[in-house]
């Protein structure tokens, strides 16, 4: 076995040689395709619900249906597999938000409903909610001040 000194530079080159190569184009293709399929499914729900409800109610019901389906798929362990395969294509739509809420709830359920599920449920999604509400308030105030 060769005995040589490991330096910062030769360690970096060693790691670069050994790490698996990522196929960015393939990953982007699958993210685009799966994200598009999720959006097409959402549009199909809107069209179906529009047969019985007005357009606004149909959109709300479609969003709720996608959240419910994603929560169920997360609970059964299916959505994580979709996420590994599709990457951002599964995290960007509303289904990704549902997954971000349900996953920590499932992970910490052994700690109880208050300190586990209740406290950890918004671990990932909490910053998204806080920033969304903050931006909404800022936009509303700017619209109120400057008219719109």
Protein backbone atom coordinates (compact mmCIF):
# COMPACT_ATOMS: atom_id res chain seq x y z
CA UNK A 1 0.00 0.00 0.00
CA UNK A 2 1.40 3.36 -1.00
CA UNK A 3 2.14 5.72 1.83
CA UNK A 4 1.76 9.34 0.82
CA UNK A 5 0.67 12.51 2.53
CA UNK A 6 -2.90 13.66 1.96
CA UNK A 7 -3.08 17.36 1.35
CA UNK A 8 -6.05 19.61 0.85
CA UNK A 9 -5.49 19.76 -2.91
CA UNK A 10 -5.00 16.06 -3.61
CA UNK A 11 -7.94 15.21 -1.33
CA UNK A 12 -10.22 17.50 -3.37
CA UNK A 13 -9.13 15.89 -6.62
CA UNK A 14 -9.60 12.41 -5.12
CA UNK A 15 -13.14 13.23 -3.98
CA UNK A 16 -13.97 14.80 -7.35
CA UNK A 17 -12.82 11.62 -9.13
CA UNK A 18 -14.83 9.32 -6.87
CA UNK A 19 -18.11 11.22 -6.51
CA UNK A 20 -20.92 10.15 -8.84
CA UNK A 21 -21.50 12.42 -11.79
CA UNK A 22 -24.83 14.20 -11.91
CA UNK A 23 -26.84 14.40 -15.09
CA UNK A 24 -28.31 17.89 -14.86
CA UNK A 25 -30.18 17.65 -18.16
CA UNK A 26 -31.79 14.35 -17.18
CA UNK A 27 -32.75 15.71 -13.75
CA UNK A 28 -34.25 18.86 -15.29
CA UNK A 29 -36.21 16.79 -17.80
CA UNK A 30 -37.76 14.59 -15.11
CA UNK A 31 -38.47 17.56 -12.82
CA UNK A 32 -40.21 19.34 -15.70
CA UNK A 33 -42.16 16.24 -16.72
CA UNK A 34 -43.33 15.20 -13.24
CA UNK A 35 -44.09 18.79 -12.21
CA UNK A 36 -46.06 19.21 -15.43
CA UNK A 37 -47.99 15.99 -14.81
CA UNK A 38 -48.90 17.18 -11.30
CA UNK A 39 -50.15 20.47 -12.78
CA UNK A 40 -52.13 18.65 -15.49
CA UNK A 41 -53.76 16.50 -12.80
CA UNK A 42 -54.62 19.69 -10.89
CA UNK A 43 -56.14 21.22 -14.03
CA UNK A 44 -58.14 18.03 -14.60
CA UNK A 45 -59.58 18.37 -11.10
CA UNK A 46 -60.47 22.01 -11.81
CA UNK A 47 -62.25 21.02 -15.01
CA UNK A 48 -64.09 18.19 -13.25
CA UNK A 49 -65.15 20.37 -10.30
CA UNK A 50 -66.22 23.14 -12.70
CA UNK A 51 -69.04 20.87 -13.83
CA UNK A 52 -70.68 21.30 -10.41
CA UNK A 53 -69.21 24.51 -8.95
CA UNK A 54 -68.13 27.97 -10.08
CA UNK A 55 -64.52 28.46 -11.24
CA UNK A 56 -63.21 29.87 -7.95
CA UNK A 57 -64.72 27.06 -5.87
CA UNK A 58 -63.48 24.50 -8.38
CA UNK A 59 -59.92 25.84 -8.04
CA UNK A 60 -60.08 25.71 -4.25
CA UNK A 61 -61.43 22.16 -4.32
CA UNK A 62 -58.74 21.09 -6.79
CA UNK A 63 -56.01 22.52 -4.55
CA UNK A 64 -57.50 20.77 -1.54
CA UNK A 65 -57.72 17.51 -3.44
CA UNK A 66 -54.05 17.73 -4.49
CA UNK A 67 -53.03 18.48 -0.90
CA UNK A 68 -55.04 15.51 0.37
CA UNK A 69 -53.63 13.14 -2.26
CA UNK A 70 -50.06 14.28 -1.56
CA UNK A 71 -50.59 13.88 2.20
CA UNK A 72 -51.88 10.34 1.69
CA UNK A 73 -49.02 9.47 -0.67
CA UNK A 74 -46.57 10.86 1.90
CA UNK A 75 -48.16 8.78 4.63
CA UNK A 76 -47.83 5.63 2.53
CA UNK A 77 -44.21 6.46 1.65
CA UNK A 78 -44.90 6.91 -2.06
CA UNK A 79 -44.35 10.68 -2.33
CA UNK A 80 -40.76 10.41 -1.08
CA UNK A 81 -39.99 8.04 -3.96
CA UNK A 82 -41.57 10.49 -6.40
CA UNK A 83 -39.47 13.26 -4.83
CA UNK A 84 -36.23 11.31 -5.20
CA UNK A 85 -37.02 10.72 -8.85
CA UNK A 86 -38.55 14.08 -9.81
CA UNK A 87 -36.61 16.45 -7.55
CA UNK A 88 -37.95 20.00 -7.75
CA UNK A 89 -40.76 18.81 -10.01
CA UNK A 90 -42.45 17.36 -6.95
CA UNK A 91 -41.54 20.05 -4.44
CA UNK A 92 -42.60 23.20 -6.26
CA UNK A 93 -46.34 22.54 -6.73
CA UNK A 94 -48.78 22.64 -3.81
CA UNK A 95 -48.22 18.91 -3.37
CA UNK A 96 -44.67 19.63 -2.22
CA UNK A 97 -46.02 21.92 0.48
CA UNK A 98 -48.33 19.15 1.66
CA UNK A 99 -45.40 16.76 1.76
CA UNK A 100 -43.33 19.30 3.70
CA UNK A 101 -46.01 19.48 6.40
CA UNK A 102 -46.87 15.78 6.64
CA UNK A 103 -43.30 14.37 6.60
CA UNK A 104 -42.13 15.98 9.88
CA UNK A 105 -45.48 15.17 11.48
CA UNK A 106 -44.98 11.50 10.66
CA UNK A 107 -41.34 11.56 11.69
CA UNK A 108 -41.97 13.06 15.13
CA UNK A 109 -45.31 11.38 15.97
CA UNK A 110 -43.58 9.13 18.51
CA UNK A 111 -42.89 12.23 20.63
CA UNK A 112 -46.63 12.78 21.04
CA UNK A 113 -49.28 14.95 19.45
CA UNK A 114 -48.30 18.20 21.17
CA UNK A 115 -44.48 18.15 21.32
CA UNK A 116 -44.04 15.86 18.34
CA UNK A 117 -46.65 16.36 15.65
CA UNK A 118 -47.85 19.80 16.74
CA UNK A 119 -44.43 21.31 17.36
CA UNK A 120 -42.56 19.77 14.43
CA UNK A 121 -45.26 19.77 11.74
CA UNK A 122 -44.28 23.18 10.37
CA UNK A 123 -40.54 22.68 10.79
CA UNK A 124 -39.98 22.83 7.02
CA UNK A 125 -43.15 24.61 5.88
CA UNK A 126 -43.16 27.23 8.66
CA UNK A 127 -40.66 29.60 7.02
CA UNK A 128 -42.62 29.38 3.77
CA UNK A 129 -45.82 30.38 5.58
CA UNK A 130 -44.14 33.20 7.51
CA UNK A 131 -42.48 34.63 4.40
CA UNK A 132 -45.68 34.26 2.35
CA UNK A 133 -47.77 36.09 4.94
CA UNK A 134 -45.11 38.79 5.38
CA UNK A 135 -44.84 39.43 1.64
CA UNK A 136 -48.64 39.46 1.35
CA UNK A 137 -48.93 42.11 4.05
CA UNK A 138 -46.20 44.23 2.45
CA UNK A 139 -47.85 44.02 -0.98
CA UNK A 140 -51.25 44.85 0.54
CA UNK A 141 -49.81 47.89 2.33
CA UNK A 142 -48.04 49.09 -0.81
CA UNK A 143 -51.25 48.68 -2.80
CA UNK A 144 -53.17 50.58 -0.13
CA UNK A 145 -50.61 53.41 -0.04
CA UNK A 146 -49.95 53.77 -3.76
CA UNK A 147 -53.31 52.54 -5.08
CA UNK A 148 -53.62 49.79 -7.50
